[in-house]
């Protein structure tokens, strides 16, 4: 099904045919040695059913197929003529047609769903900000998902499969991170325990300090004597 993109007068149509530089407004390869644009292979009956004086988008700009435009006009003799080519992205965007390739839409869907999973994981009860973040992320994904289904880029089963795969990956990554964090915390605890003196060492130190106190000798002096003796 064709979608009208913009109006086109007979003069504009003739100018496009006469001056290939003008095709830059519509066509993707207007100045190549081999002109990619060409006369549309549309039967006379089909052409009669297409209103004249307009540029139409004949293939959806969404999906892997390259967007094609059809320029239709009527010559001086009242005969309809048509010209077609792969459209430039700038031309489509300038007429509010936003081309999104299927692979780009898939990336958008995956990114949006992962954002939703992260927001859902960080959501905390009674925390309004975290709840709003999760709601917004969920709404964004639902809108993208609805558009993909409406444009028939993906089936419900394909999207469900993508969601399951991403959910499994997210949970596996989360468990790995928690395991690494646990191991790091455990390692830190072991190091702290190793740095602390043992009970036997503490007991000997206290006994030594007590004995020196009874003899009237400070631990500092004793240490000084031991250092001299060692020297």
C-alpha atoms as a PDB file:
ATOM      1  CA  UNK A   1       0.000   0.000   0.000  1.00  0.00           C
ATOM      2  CA  UNK A   2       1.408   3.358  -1.029  1.00  0.00           C
ATOM      3  CA  UNK A   3       1.698   6.337   1.243  1.00  0.00           C
ATOM      4  CA  UNK A   4       1.665   9.854  -0.153  1.00  0.00           C
ATOM      5  CA  UNK A   5       4.808  11.683   0.902  1.00  0.00           C
ATOM      6  CA  UNK A   6       4.528  15.075  -0.835  1.00  0.00           C
ATOM      7  CA  UNK A   7       2.853  16.843  -3.739  1.00  0.00           C
ATOM      8  CA  UNK A   8       4.582  17.273  -7.085  1.00  0.00           C
ATOM      9  CA  UNK A   9       3.611  19.569  -9.938  1.00  0.00           C
ATOM     10  CA  UNK A  10       4.091  18.738 -13.634  1.00  0.00           C
ATOM     11  CA  UNK A  11       6.824  21.366 -13.852  1.00  0.00           C
ATOM     12  CA  UNK A  12       8.665  19.831 -10.922  1.00  0.00           C
ATOM     13  CA  UNK A  13       8.329  16.399 -12.491  1.00  0.00           C
ATOM     14  CA  UNK A  14       9.702  17.592 -15.830  1.00  0.00           C
ATOM     15  CA  UNK A  15      12.533  19.436 -14.092  1.00  0.00           C
ATOM     16  CA  UNK A  16      13.501  16.278 -12.253  1.00  0.00           C
ATOM     17  CA  UNK A  17      13.661  14.371 -15.529  1.00  0.00           C
ATOM     18  CA  UNK A  18      15.594  17.110 -17.326  1.00  0.00           C
ATOM     19  CA  UNK A  19      18.022  17.970 -14.540  1.00  0.00           C
ATOM     20  CA  UNK A  20      19.408  14.993 -12.633  1.00  0.00           C
ATOM     21  CA  UNK A  21      20.768  17.354  -9.994  1.00  0.00           C
ATOM     22  CA  UNK A  22      17.203  18.052  -8.953  1.00  0.00           C
ATOM     23  CA  UNK A  23      16.764  14.368  -8.276  1.00  0.00           C
ATOM     24  CA  UNK A  24      19.003  14.840  -5.241  1.00  0.00           C
ATOM     25  CA  UNK A  25      15.874  16.018  -3.440  1.00  0.00           C
ATOM     26  CA  UNK A  26      14.324  12.595  -3.812  1.00  0.00           C
ATOM     27  CA  UNK A  27      16.724  10.007  -5.123  1.00  0.00           C
ATOM     28  CA  UNK A  28      19.632   8.295  -3.449  1.00  0.00           C
ATOM     29  CA  UNK A  29      21.949   7.986  -6.464  1.00  0.00           C
ATOM     30  CA  UNK A  30      21.026  10.893  -8.781  1.00  0.00           C
ATOM     31  CA  UNK A  31      24.524  11.731 -10.047  1.00  0.00           C
ATOM     32  CA  UNK A  32      26.088   8.320 -10.432  1.00  0.00           C
ATOM     33  CA  UNK A  33      27.155   7.289 -13.906  1.00  0.00           C
ATOM     34  CA  UNK A  34      24.562   4.554 -13.685  1.00  0.00           C
ATOM     35  CA  UNK A  35      21.394   6.272 -12.584  1.00  0.00           C
ATOM     36  CA  UNK A  36      19.701   4.018 -10.045  1.00  0.00           C
ATOM     37  CA  UNK A  37      16.389   5.801 -10.523  1.00  0.00           C
ATOM     38  CA  UNK A  38      14.298   4.630 -13.441  1.00  0.00           C
ATOM     39  CA  UNK A  39      10.910   4.605 -15.073  1.00  0.00           C
ATOM     40  CA  UNK A  40       8.429   2.705 -12.992  1.00  0.00           C
ATOM     41  CA  UNK A  41       7.299  -0.614 -14.381  1.00  0.00           C
ATOM     42  CA  UNK A  42       3.664   0.049 -13.691  1.00  0.00           C
ATOM     43  CA  UNK A  43       0.957  -1.065 -16.059  1.00  0.00           C
ATOM     44  CA  UNK A  44      -1.340   1.478 -17.611  1.00  0.00           C
ATOM     45  CA  UNK A  45      -4.295   0.240 -15.618  1.00  0.00           C
ATOM     46  CA  UNK A  46      -2.379   0.402 -12.342  1.00  0.00           C
ATOM     47  CA  UNK A  47      -1.099   3.859 -13.165  1.00  0.00           C
ATOM     48  CA  UNK A  48      -4.609   5.131 -13.859  1.00  0.00           C
ATOM     49  CA  UNK A  49      -5.598   4.221 -10.315  1.00  0.00           C
ATOM     50  CA  UNK A  50      -2.741   6.271  -8.844  1.00  0.00           C
ATOM     51  CA  UNK A  51      -3.555   9.969  -8.330  1.00  0.00           C
ATOM     52  CA  UNK A  52      -1.241  12.243 -10.271  1.00  0.00           C
ATOM     53  CA  UNK A  53       0.979  15.020  -8.963  1.00  0.00           C
ATOM     54  CA  UNK A  54       2.533  13.361  -5.916  1.00  0.00           C
ATOM     55  CA  UNK A  55       5.464  11.397  -4.566  1.00  0.00           C
ATOM     56  CA  UNK A  56       4.509   8.106  -2.950  1.00  0.00           C
ATOM     57  CA  UNK A  57       6.354   5.779  -0.643  1.00  0.00           C
ATOM     58  CA  UNK A  58       5.824   2.396  -2.289  1.00  0.00           C
ATOM     59  CA  UNK A  59       7.763   0.207   0.118  1.00  0.00           C
ATOM     60  CA  UNK A  60       7.751   0.659   3.852  1.00  0.00           C
ATOM     61  CA  UNK A  61      10.710   2.570   5.205  1.00  0.00           C
ATOM     62  CA  UNK A  62      10.598   0.147   8.117  1.00  0.00           C
ATOM     63  CA  UNK A  63      12.321  -3.181   7.739  1.00  0.00           C
ATOM     64  CA  UNK A  64      15.248  -4.463   5.731  1.00  0.00           C
ATOM     65  CA  UNK A  65      13.777  -3.522   2.347  1.00  0.00           C
ATOM     66  CA  UNK A  66      15.135  -0.261   0.961  1.00  0.00           C
ATOM     67  CA  UNK A  67      12.486   2.477   0.841  1.00  0.00           C
ATOM     68  CA  UNK A  68      11.294   3.193  -2.690  1.00  0.00           C
ATOM     69  CA  UNK A  69       9.460   6.282  -3.890  1.00  0.00           C
ATOM     70  CA  UNK A  70       7.226   6.641  -6.944  1.00  0.00           C
ATOM     71  CA  UNK A  71       6.878  10.035  -8.637  1.00  0.00           C
ATOM     72  CA  UNK A  72       3.640  10.286 -10.617  1.00  0.00           C
ATOM     73  CA  UNK A  73       2.656  13.065 -13.004  1.00  0.00           C
ATOM     74  CA  UNK A  74       0.633  13.742 -16.172  1.00  0.00           C
ATOM     75  CA  UNK A  75       2.307  15.012 -19.322  1.00  0.00           C
ATOM     76  CA  UNK A  76       1.038  17.654 -21.766  1.00  0.00           C
ATOM     77  CA  UNK A  77      -0.903  15.003 -23.688  1.00  0.00           C
ATOM     78  CA  UNK A  78      -2.706  13.892 -20.554  1.00  0.00           C
ATOM     79  CA  UNK A  79      -0.709  10.676 -20.280  1.00  0.00           C
ATOM     80  CA  UNK A  80       0.406   9.575 -16.847  1.00  0.00           C
ATOM     81  CA  UNK A  81       4.060   8.904 -16.277  1.00  0.00           C
ATOM     82  CA  UNK A  82       5.950   7.606 -13.280  1.00  0.00           C
ATOM     83  CA  UNK A  83       9.513   7.572 -12.041  1.00  0.00           C
ATOM     84  CA  UNK A  84      10.830   5.450  -9.186  1.00  0.00           C
ATOM     85  CA  UNK A  85      13.984   5.161  -7.128  1.00  0.00           C
ATOM     86  CA  UNK A  86      15.405   4.356  -3.747  1.00  0.00           C
ATOM     87  CA  UNK A  87      14.695   7.394  -1.613  1.00  0.00           C
ATOM     88  CA  UNK A  88      17.258   9.320   0.393  1.00  0.00           C
ATOM     89  CA  UNK A  89      16.915   9.179   4.163  1.00  0.00           C
ATOM     90  CA  UNK A  90      17.063  12.984   4.338  1.00  0.00           C
ATOM     91  CA  UNK A  91      14.084  13.220   2.007  1.00  0.00           C
ATOM     92  CA  UNK A  92      12.038  10.778   4.062  1.00  0.00           C
ATOM     93  CA  UNK A  93      12.916  12.429   7.355  1.00  0.00           C
ATOM     94  CA  UNK A  94      12.055  15.855   5.958  1.00  0.00           C
ATOM     95  CA  UNK A  95       8.539  14.510   5.318  1.00  0.00           C
ATOM     96  CA  UNK A  96       8.113  12.927   8.755  1.00  0.00           C
ATOM     97  CA  UNK A  97       8.934   9.431   7.549  1.00  0.00           C
ATOM     98  CA  UNK A  98      11.444   8.024   9.988  1.00  0.00           C
ATOM     99  CA  UNK A  99      13.188   4.991   8.490  1.00  0.00           C
ATOM    100  CA  UNK A 100      14.171   2.364  11.033  1.00  0.00           C
ATOM    101  CA  UNK A 101      15.740  -0.817   9.718  1.00  0.00           C
ATOM    102  CA  UNK A 102      14.663  -4.084  11.291  1.00  0.00           C
ATOM    103  CA  UNK A 103      18.083  -4.678  12.836  1.00  0.00           C
ATOM    104  CA  UNK A 104      17.967  -1.181  14.322  1.00  0.00           C
ATOM    105  CA  UNK A 105      14.497  -1.818  15.725  1.00  0.00           C
ATOM    106  CA  UNK A 106      15.734  -5.089  17.229  1.00  0.00           C
ATOM    107  CA  UNK A 107      18.560  -3.209  18.939  1.00  0.00           C
ATOM    108  CA  UNK A 108      16.090  -0.616  20.229  1.00  0.00           C
ATOM    109  CA  UNK A 109      13.821  -3.332  21.610  1.00  0.00           C
ATOM    110  CA  UNK A 110      16.661  -5.178  23.338  1.00  0.00           C
ATOM    111  CA  UNK A 111      18.120  -2.005  24.840  1.00  0.00           C
ATOM    112  CA  UNK A 112      14.701  -0.866  26.046  1.00  0.00           C
ATOM    113  CA  UNK A 113      13.882  -4.247  27.585  1.00  0.00           C
ATOM    114  CA  UNK A 114      17.227  -4.440  29.408  1.00  0.00           C
ATOM    115  CA  UNK A 115      16.640  -0.917  30.744  1.00  0.00           C
ATOM    116  CA  UNK A 116      13.256  -2.093  32.030  1.00  0.00           C
ATOM    117  CA  UNK A 117      14.818  -5.186  33.691  1.00  0.00           C
ATOM    118  CA  UNK A 118      17.428  -3.025  35.422  1.00  0.00           C
ATOM    119  CA  UNK A 119      14.805  -0.542  36.613  1.00  0.00           C
ATOM    120  CA  UNK A 120      12.604  -3.372  37.882  1.00  0.00           C
ATOM    121  CA  UNK A 121      15.554  -4.903  39.752  1.00  0.00           C
ATOM    122  CA  UNK A 122      16.433  -1.581  41.424  1.00  0.00           C
ATOM    123  CA  UNK A 123      12.839  -0.725  42.321  1.00  0.00           C
ATOM    124  CA  UNK A 124      12.336  -0.478  46.080  1.00  0.00           C
ATOM    125  CA  UNK A 125       9.082  -0.440  48.055  1.00  0.00           C
ATOM    126  CA  UNK A 126       8.041   3.029  49.234  1.00  0.00           C
ATOM    127  CA  UNK A 127      10.681   4.616  46.960  1.00  0.00           C
ATOM    128  CA  UNK A 128       8.677   6.806  44.580  1.00  0.00           C
ATOM    129  CA  UNK A 129      11.649   7.684  42.341  1.00  0.00           C
ATOM    130  CA  UNK A 130      12.564   4.043  41.719  1.00  0.00           C
ATOM    131  CA  UNK A 131       8.909   3.226  41.025  1.00  0.00           C
ATOM    132  CA  UNK A 132       8.617   6.055  38.480  1.00  0.00           C
ATOM    133  CA  UNK A 133      11.837   4.953  36.788  1.00  0.00           C
ATOM    134  CA  UNK A 134      10.469   1.420  36.432  1.00  0.00           C
ATOM    135  CA  UNK A 135       7.077   2.627  35.154  1.00  0.00           C
ATOM    136  CA  UNK A 136       8.664   4.906  32.535  1.00  0.00           C
ATOM    137  CA  UNK A 137      11.033   2.176  31.361  1.00  0.00           C
ATOM    138  CA  UNK A 138       8.137  -0.282  31.101  1.00  0.00           C
ATOM    139  CA  UNK A 139       5.992   2.183  29.145  1.00  0.00           C
ATOM    140  CA  UNK A 140       8.834   2.904  26.714  1.00  0.00           C
ATOM    141  CA  UNK A 141       9.304  -0.788  26.008  1.00  0.00           C
ATOM    142  CA  UNK A 142       5.568  -1.453  25.639  1.00  0.00           C
ATOM    143  CA  UNK A 143       5.296   1.352  23.055  1.00  0.00           C
ATOM    144  CA  UNK A 144       8.249   0.007  21.047  1.00  0.00           C
ATOM    145  CA  UNK A 145       6.851  -3.503  21.250  1.00  0.00           C
ATOM    146  CA  UNK A 146       3.425  -2.370  20.068  1.00  0.00           C
ATOM    147  CA  UNK A 147       4.950  -0.510  17.113  1.00  0.00           C
ATOM    148  CA  UNK A 148       7.019  -3.541  16.101  1.00  0.00           C
ATOM    149  CA  UNK A 149       3.941  -5.772  16.201  1.00  0.00           C
ATOM    150  CA  UNK A 150       1.786  -3.251  14.362  1.00  0.00           C
ATOM    151  CA  UNK A 151       4.395  -2.856  11.621  1.00  0.00           C
ATOM    152  CA  UNK A 152       4.661  -6.679  11.482  1.00  0.00           C
ATOM    153  CA  UNK A 153       8.418  -6.549  11.911  1.00  0.00           C
ATOM    154  CA  UNK A 154       8.261  -9.219  14.606  1.00  0.00           C
ATOM    155  CA  UNK A 155       5.738 -11.782  15.746  1.00  0.00           C
ATOM    156  CA  UNK A 156       4.561 -12.163  19.340  1.00  0.00           C
ATOM    157  CA  UNK A 157       6.521 -15.413  19.646  1.00  0.00           C
ATOM    158  CA  UNK A 158       9.727 -13.750  18.416  1.00  0.00           C
ATOM    159  CA  UNK A 159       9.410 -10.954  20.949  1.00  0.00           C
ATOM    160  CA  UNK A 160       8.572 -13.417  23.720  1.00  0.00           C
ATOM    161  CA  UNK A 161      11.659 -15.431  22.834  1.00  0.00           C
ATOM    162  CA  UNK A 162      13.798 -12.285  22.901  1.00  0.00           C
ATOM    163  CA  UNK A 163      12.395 -11.326  26.322  1.00  0.00           C
ATOM    164  CA  UNK A 164      13.067 -14.795  27.766  1.00  0.00           C
ATOM    165  CA  UNK A 165      16.622 -14.836  26.438  1.00  0.00           C
ATOM    166  CA  UNK A 166      17.407 -11.375  27.815  1.00  0.00           C
ATOM    167  CA  UNK A 167      15.805 -12.232  31.173  1.00  0.00           C
ATOM    168  CA  UNK A 168      17.961 -15.374  31.508  1.00  0.00           C
ATOM    169  CA  UNK A 169      21.089 -13.415  30.568  1.00  0.00           C
ATOM    170  CA  UNK A 170      20.222 -10.677  33.059  1.00  0.00           C
ATOM    171  CA  UNK A 171      19.669 -13.146  35.922  1.00  0.00           C
ATOM    172  CA  UNK A 172      22.848 -15.090  35.095  1.00  0.00           C
ATOM    173  CA  UNK A 173      24.876 -11.872  35.028  1.00  0.00           C
ATOM    174  CA  UNK A 174      23.303 -10.755  38.297  1.00  0.00           C
ATOM    175  CA  UNK A 175      24.157 -14.069  40.009  1.00  0.00           C
ATOM    176  CA  UNK A 176      27.742 -13.885  38.746  1.00  0.00           C
ATOM    177  CA  UNK A 177      28.091 -10.338  40.073  1.00  0.00           C
ATOM    178  CA  UNK A 178      26.661 -11.345  43.457  1.00  0.00           C
ATOM    179  CA  UNK A 179      29.015 -14.348  43.620  1.00  0.00           C
ATOM    180  CA  UNK A 180      32.019 -12.166  42.777  1.00  0.00           C
ATOM    181  CA  UNK A 181      30.925  -9.620  45.377  1.00  0.00           C
ATOM    182  CA  UNK A 182      30.532 -12.370  48.012  1.00  0.00           C
ATOM    183  CA  UNK A 183      33.979 -13.787  47.226  1.00  0.00           C
ATOM    184  CA  UNK A 184      35.526 -10.323  47.463  1.00  0.00           C
ATOM    185  CA  UNK A 185      33.836  -9.653  50.821  1.00  0.00           C
ATOM    186  CA  UNK A 186      34.943 -13.067  52.138  1.00  0.00           C
ATOM    187  CA  UNK A 187      38.510 -12.447  50.983  1.00  0.00           C
ATOM    188  CA  UNK A 188      38.525  -9.095  52.764  1.00  0.00           C
ATOM    189  CA  UNK A 189      37.278 -10.678  55.987  1.00  0.00           C
ATOM    190  CA  UNK A 190      40.014 -13.353  55.838  1.00  0.00           C
ATOM    191  CA  UNK A 191      42.693 -10.711  55.319  1.00  0.00           C
ATOM    192  CA  UNK A 192      41.419  -8.703  58.268  1.00  0.00           C
ATOM    193  CA  UNK A 193      41.470 -11.799  60.496  1.00  0.00           C
ATOM    194  CA  UNK A 194      44.988 -12.680  59.342  1.00  0.00           C
ATOM    195  CA  UNK A 195      46.194  -9.195  60.201  1.00  0.00           C
ATOM    196  CA  UNK A 196      44.830  -9.464  63.764  1.00  0.00           C
ATOM    197  CA  UNK A 197      47.136 -11.042  66.410  1.00  0.00           C
ATOM    198  CA  UNK A 198      46.177 -14.526  67.580  1.00  0.00           C
ATOM    199  CA  UNK A 199      44.792 -15.153  71.100  1.00  0.00           C
ATOM    200  CA  UNK A 200      48.047 -16.857  72.112  1.00  0.00           C
ATOM    201  CA  UNK A 201      50.072 -13.859  70.947  1.00  0.00           C
ATOM    202  CA  UNK A 202      47.741 -11.483  72.789  1.00  0.00           C
ATOM    203  CA  UNK A 203      47.984 -13.604  75.978  1.00  0.00           C
ATOM    204  CA  UNK A 204      51.797 -13.653  75.851  1.00  0.00           C
ATOM    205  CA  UNK A 205      51.870  -9.910  75.318  1.00  0.00           C
ATOM    206  CA  UNK A 206      49.542  -9.264  78.283  1.00  0.00           C
ATOM    207  CA  UNK A 207      51.513 -11.680  80.541  1.00  0.00           C
ATOM    208  CA  UNK A 208      54.734  -9.976  79.555  1.00  0.00           C
ATOM    209  CA  UNK A 209      53.322  -6.504  80.290  1.00  0.00           C
ATOM    210  CA  UNK A 210      51.971  -7.710  83.642  1.00  0.00           C
ATOM    211  CA  UNK A 211      55.312  -9.263  84.655  1.00  0.00           C
ATOM    212  CA  UNK A 212      57.251  -6.177  83.633  1.00  0.00           C
ATOM    213  CA  UNK A 213      54.831  -3.999  85.587  1.00  0.00           C
ATOM    214  CA  UNK A 214      55.442  -6.070  88.730  1.00  0.00           C
ATOM    215  CA  UNK A 215      59.197  -5.658  88.287  1.00  0.00           C
ATOM    216  CA  UNK A 216      58.749  -1.960  87.663  1.00  0.00           C
ATOM    217  CA  UNK A 217      60.050  -2.130  84.122  1.00  0.00           C
ATOM    218  CA  UNK A 218      58.145  -0.607  81.204  1.00  0.00           C
ATOM    219  CA  UNK A 219      57.664  -2.479  77.971  1.00  0.00           C
ATOM    220  CA  UNK A 220      59.323   0.405  76.148  1.00  0.00           C
ATOM    221  CA  UNK A 221      62.519   0.154  78.223  1.00  0.00           C
ATOM    222  CA  UNK A 222      62.563  -3.613  77.845  1.00  0.00           C
ATOM    223  CA  UNK A 223      62.243  -3.224  74.131  1.00  0.00           C
ATOM    224  CA  UNK A 224      65.110  -0.732  74.193  1.00  0.00           C
ATOM    225  CA  UNK A 225      67.286  -3.205  76.116  1.00  0.00           C
ATOM    226  CA  UNK A 226      66.412  -6.004  73.754  1.00  0.00           C
ATOM    227  CA  UNK A 227      67.348  -3.776  70.832  1.00  0.00           C
ATOM    228  CA  UNK A 228      70.726  -2.963  72.450  1.00  0.00           C
ATOM    229  CA  UNK A 229      71.304  -6.632  73.242  1.00  0.00           C
ATOM    230  CA  UNK A 230      70.486  -7.570  69.696  1.00  0.00           C
ATOM    231  CA  UNK A 231      72.891  -4.929  68.451  1.00  0.00           C
END
